[in-house]
């Protein structure tokens, strides 16, 4: 009696293990893919038998399918097995496999799957990726330069690798591919020069990327935030660039490049703080001009960071520092201002930031017009209304212009943000507050690292030999030695000495 009271076990339905986005059989894969409107799966009649063709319509090149694949499959009398496809198709990328993981990955990346039987585990996968949606290689927009190459990376990873390989056609250039992202399955390339890049740096980058557990990786900026040594720091720890020539130049010095599918920018590391103020154009000018312009950028950054905090500190606590000739115009300009200097500065600084953000989000022509007209109108109106002084308006305008000289966009954003804590400390304790805030920044920079390497090199720890391309750029015959801070292989001293000699033709 008790046997009949027991409930019968429910019939177990087969389940698909999607913990790592894989299927057990190709039947499960195709059945699940049929739920998508852009998936095509149909039988195709040939001379001897029918074959089953599967692909994602949005991912493949339809012209290639109907021109270079279907005519040979339908009309060829030599097509008797999947292995015959390698001989009859005018396409080199034909693979025969029964690995369900490989079939799934290739199917989702623009490959065509061909089966003799709908339930066969063995398939032929043919590359037919649609490249028509990729934009052509265009001019660099963020790191624009008057002199030098104009090419920039695009969103297609293979095209970006071509731009690098074309400039470095040597077998020592290694591209290591890693696929990350639970759903995006993003291709990540680690590029380096073998026997030049330090193996410890390569292992660090590889391990950090392999340890990433993230569902979707859409851009290299996400990688930068995840693999950075200190994710709480406002300072960028990897150089982001869209220029292939800059990547090639830094690979030669032992750095490692990281490229991501769908991203038009590459990451370079390990880096030092001086690299964020160097422009690729510095290397295409004479070393005197390149050094002068780079030094001007360093002065511009210092002025942009400290101009308004010093204004607040001087007018709030240190009146005796104001020269006598400047005291009269300063008093007259602030005679009708009802706010203390800190509120006056914060009002103008926030106005500049609003104009920047509004100009960046609007179309190009409208954004430029808004930035120019808005700055003039708001500045004149605020002075006429007695909200700000003429002198402060000039200081803030020059400070904003100085911040635009930073060639790396992410470091420019950092400089913009740093002004506000300096202004706050200057309002509290004057010059002592500025020194205190600077101490905090220096301590943070001393502890900061880029892929395990000190961030302040070659300034600290001091490396005299590495300073030939830091604040100033020395002539190229003085830059033959690669940076010691990257632990790269160095040329022999004899070779360096010989390269610096000017030889005549009769020698």
Protein backbone atom coordinates (compact mmCIF):
# COMPACT_ATOMS: atom_id res chain seq x y z
CA UNK A 1 0.00 0.00 0.00
CA UNK A 2 2.84 2.36 0.85
CA UNK A 3 4.33 1.82 -2.62
CA UNK A 4 1.23 3.28 -4.23
CA UNK A 5 1.26 6.26 -1.89
CA UNK A 6 4.73 7.24 -2.99
CA UNK A 7 4.79 9.87 -5.68
CA UNK A 8 6.18 8.86 -9.00
CA UNK A 9 9.37 10.71 -9.88
CA UNK A 10 8.91 13.39 -12.47
CA UNK A 11 10.37 12.81 -15.89
CA UNK A 12 13.70 14.59 -16.11
CA UNK A 13 14.01 16.83 -19.15
CA UNK A 14 17.44 17.35 -20.64
CA UNK A 15 19.01 20.59 -19.55
CA UNK A 16 21.75 22.61 -21.14
CA UNK A 17 24.71 23.65 -19.04
CA UNK A 18 25.09 27.35 -19.72
CA UNK A 19 27.52 28.07 -16.88
CA UNK A 20 30.23 28.75 -19.44
CA UNK A 21 27.97 29.39 -22.48
CA UNK A 22 28.63 25.97 -24.03
CA UNK A 23 26.37 23.12 -25.18
CA UNK A 24 26.79 19.36 -25.03
CA UNK A 25 25.87 18.62 -28.65
CA UNK A 26 25.53 20.53 -31.90
CA UNK A 27 21.81 19.71 -31.93
CA UNK A 28 21.33 21.67 -28.71
CA UNK A 29 23.39 24.51 -30.13
CA UNK A 30 21.35 24.78 -33.34
CA UNK A 31 17.99 24.32 -31.59
CA UNK A 32 18.81 27.15 -29.22
CA UNK A 33 20.15 29.36 -32.02
CA UNK A 34 16.90 28.98 -33.99
CA UNK A 35 15.22 31.21 -31.41
CA UNK A 36 17.14 34.16 -32.89
CA UNK A 37 15.64 35.84 -35.95
CA UNK A 38 18.99 36.30 -37.71
CA UNK A 39 20.00 32.62 -37.50
CA UNK A 40 19.69 30.64 -40.76
CA UNK A 41 19.61 26.83 -40.84
CA UNK A 42 18.42 25.00 -43.96
CA UNK A 43 19.14 21.93 -46.13
CA UNK A 44 20.89 22.55 -49.44
CA UNK A 45 20.63 20.07 -52.32
CA UNK A 46 23.89 19.11 -54.05
CA UNK A 47 24.82 16.67 -56.86
CA UNK A 48 24.97 13.57 -54.66
CA UNK A 49 23.22 14.47 -51.40
CA UNK A 50 21.84 17.22 -49.18
CA UNK A 51 23.91 19.24 -46.74
CA UNK A 52 22.79 21.46 -43.89
CA UNK A 53 24.07 25.04 -43.77
CA UNK A 54 23.95 27.18 -40.62
CA UNK A 55 25.04 30.77 -40.03
CA UNK A 56 24.07 34.08 -38.49
CA UNK A 57 22.88 36.31 -41.33
CA UNK A 58 24.02 39.52 -39.66
CA UNK A 59 27.57 38.22 -39.16
CA UNK A 60 28.52 36.82 -42.59
CA UNK A 61 29.22 38.32 -45.99
CA UNK A 62 26.23 37.29 -48.13
CA UNK A 63 28.05 38.04 -51.38
CA UNK A 64 30.92 35.74 -50.43
CA UNK A 65 28.47 32.96 -49.56
CA UNK A 66 26.62 33.09 -52.89
CA UNK A 67 29.71 33.73 -55.02
CA UNK A 68 32.50 31.60 -53.52
CA UNK A 69 30.78 28.87 -51.50
CA UNK A 70 27.32 27.83 -52.70
CA UNK A 71 28.12 27.39 -56.44
CA UNK A 72 31.00 25.02 -55.63
CA UNK A 73 28.94 23.05 -53.12
CA UNK A 74 25.86 22.71 -55.34
CA UNK A 75 27.46 21.92 -58.71
CA UNK A 76 30.76 20.23 -57.85
CA UNK A 77 30.87 16.49 -58.63
CA UNK A 78 33.93 16.09 -56.42
CA UNK A 79 32.06 17.04 -53.26
CA UNK A 80 31.54 13.66 -51.58
CA UNK A 81 32.78 14.39 -48.05
CA UNK A 82 33.53 17.35 -45.82
CA UNK A 83 37.24 16.94 -46.44
CA UNK A 84 36.63 17.66 -50.12
CA UNK A 85 35.63 21.22 -49.25
CA UNK A 86 39.28 22.12 -48.70
CA UNK A 87 40.02 21.20 -52.32
CA UNK A 88 37.00 22.60 -54.12
CA UNK A 89 36.45 25.90 -52.29
CA UNK A 90 38.61 28.93 -53.22
CA UNK A 91 38.87 29.79 -49.51
CA UNK A 92 41.84 28.95 -47.31
CA UNK A 93 40.09 29.02 -43.92
CA UNK A 94 38.16 25.72 -44.00
CA UNK A 95 38.33 23.61 -40.82
CA UNK A 96 36.86 20.17 -40.10
CA UNK A 97 36.07 19.68 -36.42
CA UNK A 98 33.67 18.11 -33.95
CA UNK A 99 34.64 20.34 -31.01
CA UNK A 100 31.37 21.92 -29.91
CA UNK A 101 33.18 24.79 -28.17
CA UNK A 102 35.07 25.72 -31.33
CA UNK A 103 31.94 25.40 -33.49
CA UNK A 104 30.00 27.70 -31.19
CA UNK A 105 32.73 30.34 -31.02
CA UNK A 106 33.29 30.35 -34.79
CA UNK A 107 29.57 30.40 -35.57
CA UNK A 108 29.14 33.51 -33.44
CA UNK A 109 32.07 35.25 -35.14
CA UNK A 110 30.94 35.08 -38.74
CA UNK A 111 31.70 31.49 -39.79
CA UNK A 112 29.44 29.19 -41.80
CA UNK A 113 28.80 25.66 -40.49
CA UNK A 114 28.17 22.83 -42.99
CA UNK A 115 26.95 19.32 -42.00
CA UNK A 116 26.24 16.23 -44.08
CA UNK A 117 23.54 15.23 -41.67
CA UNK A 118 21.60 17.45 -39.33
CA UNK A 119 22.67 15.32 -36.37
CA UNK A 120 26.32 14.85 -37.32
CA UNK A 121 28.81 16.02 -34.74
CA UNK A 122 31.51 16.62 -37.34
CA UNK A 123 31.19 19.91 -39.22
CA UNK A 124 33.06 22.06 -41.67
CA UNK A 125 33.43 25.67 -40.57
CA UNK A 126 34.22 28.29 -43.22
CA UNK A 127 35.19 31.86 -42.49
CA UNK A 128 32.81 34.35 -44.12
CA UNK A 129 32.98 37.32 -41.77
CA UNK A 130 31.28 40.50 -42.92
CA UNK A 131 33.85 43.30 -43.06
CA UNK A 132 31.56 45.76 -44.82
CA UNK A 133 30.46 47.27 -41.51
CA UNK A 134 34.02 48.19 -40.50
CA UNK A 135 34.87 51.83 -41.04
CA UNK A 136 38.05 52.56 -42.99
CA UNK A 137 41.28 53.64 -41.31
CA UNK A 138 40.89 57.37 -40.70
CA UNK A 139 42.86 60.32 -39.37
CA UNK A 140 43.67 60.48 -35.69
CA UNK A 141 41.23 62.85 -33.97
CA UNK A 142 42.25 62.81 -30.30
CA UNK A 143 46.05 62.75 -30.78
CA UNK A 144 46.19 64.83 -33.92
CA UNK A 145 49.60 66.08 -35.09
CA UNK A 146 50.64 68.31 -37.97
CA UNK A 147 53.83 66.34 -38.68
CA UNK A 148 53.98 62.56 -38.75
CA UNK A 149 51.63 59.67 -39.67
CA UNK A 150 47.90 60.37 -39.67
CA UNK A 151 46.56 56.80 -39.37
CA UNK A 152 44.55 55.80 -36.32
CA UNK A 153 43.18 52.54 -34.97
CA UNK A 154 39.62 51.46 -35.77
CA UNK A 155 37.16 49.12 -34.06
CA UNK A 156 38.29 46.04 -36.04
CA UNK A 157 41.02 44.16 -34.17
CA UNK A 158 42.55 42.45 -37.22
CA UNK A 159 42.94 45.80 -38.99
CA UNK A 160 44.68 47.22 -35.92
CA UNK A 161 47.08 44.28 -35.82
CA UNK A 162 47.85 44.88 -39.49
CA UNK A 163 48.72 48.53 -38.77
CA UNK A 164 51.22 47.39 -36.14
CA UNK A 165 52.66 44.43 -38.07
CA UNK A 166 53.19 46.60 -41.16
CA UNK A 167 55.45 48.88 -39.14
CA UNK A 168 57.22 46.02 -37.36
CA UNK A 169 57.64 43.21 -39.93
CA UNK A 170 59.83 41.07 -37.66
CA UNK A 171 59.21 37.60 -36.18
CA UNK A 172 60.04 38.96 -32.72
CA UNK A 173 56.68 40.78 -32.68
CA UNK A 174 54.33 38.46 -30.77
CA UNK A 175 50.54 38.72 -30.56
CA UNK A 176 49.10 36.67 -27.70
CA UNK A 177 45.30 36.27 -27.86
CA UNK A 178 43.03 35.83 -24.83
CA UNK A 179 39.22 35.59 -24.94
CA UNK A 180 37.42 37.09 -21.93
CA UNK A 181 33.85 38.07 -21.06
CA UNK A 182 31.17 35.56 -20.19
CA UNK A 183 28.78 36.85 -22.85
CA UNK A 184 30.83 39.16 -25.07
CA UNK A 185 33.70 36.67 -25.68
CA UNK A 186 35.93 39.63 -26.47
CA UNK A 187 39.26 39.00 -28.16
CA UNK A 188 42.13 40.64 -26.29
CA UNK A 189 45.59 40.85 -27.86
CA UNK A 190 48.77 41.30 -25.82
CA UNK A 191 51.50 42.62 -28.14
CA UNK A 192 55.19 42.77 -27.30
CA UNK A 193 58.66 42.33 -28.80
CA UNK A 194 60.23 39.08 -27.73
CA UNK A 195 63.70 39.40 -26.14
CA UNK A 196 63.01 43.12 -25.64
CA UNK A 197 60.04 43.21 -23.25
CA UNK A 198 60.68 41.91 -19.75
CA UNK A 199 59.11 38.49 -19.17
CA UNK A 200 57.88 39.53 -15.73
CA UNK A 201 55.88 42.39 -17.27
CA UNK A 202 54.41 40.00 -19.86
CA UNK A 203 53.40 37.52 -17.16
CA UNK A 204 51.82 40.29 -15.07
CA UNK A 205 49.65 41.56 -17.93
CA UNK A 206 48.68 38.03 -19.02
CA UNK A 207 47.72 36.93 -15.52
CA UNK A 208 45.65 40.05 -14.79
CA UNK A 209 43.70 39.71 -18.03
CA UNK A 210 43.08 35.99 -17.53
CA UNK A 211 41.77 36.67 -14.02
CA UNK A 212 39.08 39.04 -15.29
CA UNK A 213 35.57 37.80 -14.55
CA UNK A 214 33.25 40.18 -16.34
CA UNK A 215 30.19 39.53 -18.48
CA UNK A 216 30.75 42.08 -21.25
CA UNK A 217 33.97 43.82 -22.32
CA UNK A 218 33.10 46.54 -24.83
CA UNK A 219 36.21 48.72 -24.85
CA UNK A 220 39.83 48.82 -23.74
CA UNK A 221 38.89 51.49 -21.17
CA UNK A 222 37.13 48.79 -19.15
CA UNK A 223 40.29 46.69 -19.24
CA UNK A 224 42.32 49.65 -18.00
CA UNK A 225 40.06 50.13 -14.99
CA UNK A 226 40.06 46.42 -14.13
CA UNK A 227 43.77 45.62 -14.42
CA UNK A 228 45.12 48.90 -12.99
CA UNK A 229 47.18 48.58 -9.81
CA UNK A 230 45.09 51.14 -7.92
CA UNK A 231 41.51 51.42 -9.16
CA UNK A 232 40.75 54.23 -6.68
CA UNK A 233 43.35 56.60 -8.09
CA UNK A 234 42.37 59.49 -10.36
CA UNK A 235 45.69 59.14 -12.20
CA UNK A 236 45.65 56.91 -15.29
CA UNK A 237 48.11 54.02 -14.93
CA UNK A 238 48.15 52.91 -18.57
CA UNK A 239 48.60 55.17 -21.59
CA UNK A 240 45.62 55.04 -23.94
CA UNK A 241 46.49 55.85 -27.55
CA UNK A 242 44.84 55.63 -30.96
CA UNK A 243 48.09 55.97 -32.93
CA UNK A 244 49.86 52.87 -34.30
CA UNK A 245 53.16 54.76 -34.59
CA UNK A 246 53.15 55.49 -30.86
CA UNK A 247 52.44 51.83 -30.08
CA UNK A 248 55.31 50.69 -32.32
CA UNK A 249 57.71 53.22 -30.79
CA UNK A 250 56.92 52.13 -27.24
CA UNK A 251 57.05 48.41 -28.12
CA UNK A 252 60.61 49.03 -29.23
CA UNK A 253 61.37 50.42 -25.76
CA UNK A 254 60.04 47.31 -24.05
CA UNK A 255 56.48 48.28 -23.21
CA UNK A 256 53.49 45.99 -23.72
CA UNK A 257 50.43 46.92 -25.79
CA UNK A 258 46.90 45.67 -25.07
CA UNK A 259 44.29 45.79 -27.83
CA UNK A 260 40.62 44.84 -27.56
CA UNK A 261 38.06 43.88 -30.17
CA UNK A 262 35.68 46.78 -30.77
CA UNK A 263 38.01 49.43 -29.35
CA UNK A 264 39.84 52.04 -31.47
CA UNK A 265 42.46 52.57 -28.77
CA UNK A 266 45.37 50.54 -27.41
CA UNK A 267 46.77 50.48 -23.88
CA UNK A 268 50.50 50.79 -23.17
CA UNK A 269 52.31 49.83 -19.99
CA UNK A 270 54.16 49.88 -17.71
CA UNK A 271 54.23 53.67 -17.91
CA UNK A 272 55.67 56.58 -15.96
CA UNK A 273 54.04 59.93 -15.25
CA UNK A 274 56.27 61.76 -17.76
CA UNK A 275 54.83 59.81 -20.71
CA UNK A 276 51.44 61.46 -20.28
CA UNK A 277 52.91 64.84 -21.24
CA UNK A 278 54.79 63.70 -24.34
CA UNK A 279 53.17 63.97 -27.75
CA UNK A 280 54.04 61.78 -30.78
CA UNK A 281 54.80 65.01 -32.63
CA UNK A 282 57.76 65.63 -30.29
CA UNK A 283 59.67 62.87 -32.08
CA UNK A 284 59.00 64.27 -35.56
CA UNK A 285 60.44 67.68 -34.72
CA UNK A 286 64.06 68.49 -33.90
CA UNK A 287 65.05 67.58 -30.37
CA UNK A 288 65.37 71.28 -29.43
CA UNK A 289 61.80 72.11 -30.46
CA UNK A 290 60.43 68.84 -29.09
CA UNK A 291 62.07 69.46 -25.71
CA UNK A 292 60.86 73.08 -25.64
CA UNK A 293 57.23 72.18 -26.37
CA UNK A 294 57.29 69.34 -23.83
CA UNK A 295 58.71 71.65 -21.17
CA UNK A 296 55.95 74.17 -21.97
CA UNK A 297 53.38 71.42 -21.33
CA UNK A 298 54.87 70.71 -17.91
CA UNK A 299 54.72 74.42 -17.04
CA UNK A 300 51.14 74.58 -18.34
CA UNK A 301 50.10 71.71 -16.09
CA UNK A 302 51.68 73.40 -13.05
CA UNK A 303 49.97 76.70 -13.89
CA UNK A 304 46.60 75.04 -14.53
CA UNK A 305 46.74 73.22 -11.19
CA UNK A 306 47.98 76.00 -8.92
CA UNK A 307 46.79 79.29 -10.48
CA UNK A 308 43.34 79.50 -8.89
CA UNK A 309 44.35 77.93 -5.52
CA UNK A 310 47.14 80.52 -5.17
CA UNK A 311 44.63 83.27 -6.01
CA UNK A 312 42.34 82.05 -3.21
CA UNK A 313 45.21 81.65 -0.73
CA UNK A 314 46.70 85.08 -1.42
CA UNK A 315 43.42 87.02 -1.23
CA UNK A 316 42.23 85.12 1.84
CA UNK A 317 45.36 84.90 4.03
CA UNK A 318 48.47 86.37 2.41
CA UNK A 319 47.70 90.00 1.51
CA UNK A 320 51.32 90.99 2.03
CA UNK A 321 52.37 88.92 -1.01
CA UNK A 322 50.45 91.18 -3.42
CA UNK A 323 52.77 93.67 -5.22
CA UNK A 324 51.98 97.34 -4.70
CA UNK A 325 51.46 97.95 -8.42
CA UNK A 326 48.88 95.14 -8.56
CA UNK A 327 47.11 96.04 -5.33
CA UNK A 328 45.13 99.00 -6.72
CA UNK A 329 43.62 97.24 -9.77
CA UNK A 330 42.91 94.17 -7.64
CA UNK A 331 41.03 96.21 -5.04
CA UNK A 332 39.05 98.06 -7.70
CA UNK A 333 38.09 94.84 -9.47
CA UNK A 334 36.88 93.27 -6.22
CA UNK A 335 35.23 96.36 -4.73
CA UNK A 336 31.70 95.30 -5.61
CA UNK A 337 32.11 91.50 -5.30
CA UNK A 338 29.83 90.22 -2.48
CA UNK A 339 31.39 86.73 -2.29
CA UNK A 340 34.64 85.53 -0.71
CA UNK A 341 37.39 84.50 -3.15
CA UNK A 342 36.70 80.77 -2.79
CA UNK A 343 33.06 81.09 -3.90
CA UNK A 344 34.09 83.42 -6.70
CA UNK A 345 36.63 80.88 -7.96
CA UNK A 346 34.28 77.91 -7.61
CA UNK A 347 31.60 79.75 -9.59
CA UNK A 348 33.91 80.37 -12.55
CA UNK A 349 35.56 76.94 -12.41
CA UNK A 350 32.20 75.16 -12.43
CA UNK A 351 31.06 77.40 -15.29
CA UNK A 352 34.11 76.36 -17.33
CA UNK A 353 33.44 72.68 -16.59
CA UNK A 354 29.79 73.05 -17.64
CA UNK A 355 30.84 74.64 -20.93
CA UNK A 356 33.33 71.82 -21.52
CA UNK A 357 30.80 69.07 -20.91
CA UNK A 358 28.10 70.78 -22.94
CA UNK A 359 30.50 71.34 -25.85
CA UNK A 360 31.67 67.72 -25.76
CA UNK A 361 28.12 66.29 -25.86
CA UNK A 362 26.83 68.50 -28.67
CA UNK A 363 27.64 68.11 -32.40
CA UNK A 364 31.08 69.42 -33.35
CA UNK A 365 30.11 72.74 -34.95
CA UNK A 366 27.46 73.52 -32.34
CA UNK A 367 29.83 72.57 -29.52
CA UNK A 368 32.58 74.88 -30.75
CA UNK A 369 30.12 77.76 -31.09
CA UNK A 370 28.73 77.14 -27.63
CA UNK A 371 32.21 77.06 -26.07
CA UNK A 372 33.34 80.33 -27.63
CA UNK A 373 30.10 82.33 -27.41
CA UNK A 374 29.11 80.89 -24.04
CA UNK A 375 32.49 81.71 -22.51
CA UNK A 376 32.44 85.29 -23.75
CA UNK A 377 28.81 85.96 -22.84
CA UNK A 378 28.87 84.36 -19.40
CA UNK A 379 32.26 85.88 -18.55
CA UNK A 380 31.23 89.40 -19.48
CA UNK A 381 27.83 89.02 -17.82
CA UNK A 382 29.33 87.74 -14.55
CA UNK A 383 31.81 90.65 -14.43
CA UNK A 384 29.09 93.21 -15.23
CA UNK A 385 26.81 91.71 -12.58
CA UNK A 386 29.54 91.95 -9.94
CA UNK A 387 29.79 88.20 -9.36
CA UNK A 388 33.46 87.85 -10.35
CA UNK A 389 36.45 90.13 -10.91
CA UNK A 390 38.22 90.84 -14.16
CA UNK A 391 41.54 89.50 -12.90
CA UNK A 392 40.06 86.18 -11.79
CA UNK A 393 38.30 85.80 -15.14
CA UNK A 394 41.67 86.10 -16.89
CA UNK A 395 43.32 83.64 -14.48
CA UNK A 396 40.57 81.04 -14.90
CA UNK A 397 40.58 81.40 -18.69
CA UNK A 398 44.36 80.94 -18.86
CA UNK A 399 44.11 77.99 -16.47
CA UNK A 400 41.53 76.32 -18.72
CA UNK A 401 43.67 76.90 -21.81
CA UNK A 402 46.74 75.48 -20.06
CA UNK A 403 44.88 72.27 -19.20
CA UNK A 404 44.18 71.66 -22.91
CA UNK A 405 47.91 71.31 -23.64
CA UNK A 406 48.04 67.83 -22.05
CA UNK A 407 48.23 65.41 -25.02
CA UNK A 408 46.68 62.41 -23.20
CA UNK A 409 42.97 62.99 -22.63
CA UNK A 410 42.67 60.96 -19.43
CA UNK A 411 45.53 62.83 -17.77
CA UNK A 412 43.91 66.12 -18.85
CA UNK A 413 40.77 65.06 -16.97
CA UNK A 414 42.89 64.30 -13.90
CA UNK A 415 44.42 67.80 -14.00
CA UNK A 416 40.92 69.27 -14.20
CA UNK A 417 39.79 67.37 -11.11
CA UNK A 418 42.92 68.10 -9.02
CA UNK A 419 42.27 71.85 -9.00
CA UNK A 420 39.20 71.51 -6.77
CA UNK A 421 40.86 69.88 -3.72
CA UNK A 422 43.71 72.40 -3.99
CA UNK A 423 41.15 75.25 -3.98
CA UNK A 424 39.42 73.73 -0.95
CA UNK A 425 42.67 73.38 1.02
CA UNK A 426 43.75 76.90 0.00
CA UNK A 427 40.49 78.32 1.35
CA UNK A 428 41.00 76.51 4.68
CA UNK A 429 44.70 77.09 5.42
CA UNK A 430 46.07 79.28 2.62
CA UNK A 431 49.59 78.46 1.41
CA UNK A 432 49.99 75.81 4.10
CA UNK A 433 46.89 74.10 2.75
CA UNK A 434 48.33 74.05 -0.78
CA UNK A 435 51.56 72.47 0.52
CA UNK A 436 49.54 69.96 2.55
CA UNK A 437 47.44 68.97 -0.48
CA UNK A 438 50.61 68.69 -2.56
CA UNK A 439 52.11 66.41 0.09
CA UNK A 440 49.12 64.09 -0.12
CA UNK A 441 49.43 63.96 -3.93
CA UNK A 442 53.18 63.24 -3.76
CA UNK A 443 52.71 60.46 -1.22
CA UNK A 444 50.01 58.94 -3.42
CA UNK A 445 52.23 59.15 -6.52
CA UNK A 446 55.17 57.60 -4.66
CA UNK A 447 53.02 54.60 -3.74
CA UNK A 448 51.37 54.34 -7.15
CA UNK A 449 52.51 51.66 -9.60
CA UNK A 450 51.88 50.77 -13.23
CA UNK A 451 51.81 47.00 -13.73
CA UNK A 452 54.02 46.63 -10.67
CA UNK A 453 56.56 49.30 -11.74
CA UNK A 454 57.06 52.67 -9.94
CA UNK A 455 54.86 55.37 -11.42
CA UNK A 456 57.30 58.26 -10.86
CA UNK A 457 60.28 56.73 -12.68
CA UNK A 458 62.73 58.03 -13.78
CA UNK A 459 62.22 60.93 -11.34
CA UNK A 460 61.93 58.60 -8.33
CA UNK A 461 63.63 56.24 -7.96
CA UNK A 462 66.11 58.48 -9.82
CA UNK A 463 67.45 56.90 -13.01
CA UNK A 464 69.75 59.32 -14.78
CA UNK A 465 70.06 57.25 -17.97
CA UNK A 466 66.27 57.09 -18.40
CA UNK A 467 65.90 60.88 -18.21
CA UNK A 468 67.00 61.31 -21.83
CA UNK A 469 63.33 61.10 -22.84
CA UNK A 470 61.37 62.43 -19.89
CA UNK A 471 60.97 66.18 -19.24
CA UNK A 472 63.32 66.93 -22.13
CA UNK A 473 63.92 64.91 -25.29
CA UNK A 474 67.54 64.32 -26.15
CA UNK A 475 68.84 63.66 -29.70
CA UNK A 476 68.12 60.18 -31.06
CA UNK A 477 71.78 59.15 -30.95
CA UNK A 478 71.55 59.69 -27.18
CA UNK A 479 68.42 57.55 -26.84
CA UNK A 480 69.77 54.22 -28.07
CA UNK A 481 69.62 52.74 -24.61
CA UNK A 482 66.24 51.37 -23.62
CA UNK A 483 64.81 52.36 -20.21
CA UNK A 484 66.34 50.51 -17.28
CA UNK A 485 63.05 50.87 -15.40
CA UNK A 486 61.37 48.46 -17.88
CA UNK A 487 64.18 45.91 -17.41
CA UNK A 488 64.65 45.59 -21.16
CA UNK A 489 67.66 44.31 -23.04
CA UNK A 490 70.23 47.01 -23.83
CA UNK A 491 72.58 47.44 -26.79
CA UNK A 492 76.29 47.01 -26.19
CA UNK A 493 78.22 50.12 -25.04
CA UNK A 494 80.48 49.77 -28.08
CA UNK A 495 77.50 49.97 -30.44
CA UNK A 496 76.16 53.05 -28.64
CA UNK A 497 79.54 54.77 -28.80
CA UNK A 498 79.99 54.04 -32.51
CA UNK A 499 76.52 55.32 -33.39
CA UNK A 500 77.30 58.72 -31.90
CA UNK A 501 80.28 59.28 -34.19
CA UNK A 502 79.88 61.35 -37.35
CA UNK A 503 81.69 59.43 -40.07
CA UNK A 504 82.79 60.87 -43.41
CA UNK A 505 82.40 58.97 -46.64
CA UNK A 506 86.13 58.18 -46.87
CA UNK A 507 86.14 56.47 -43.50
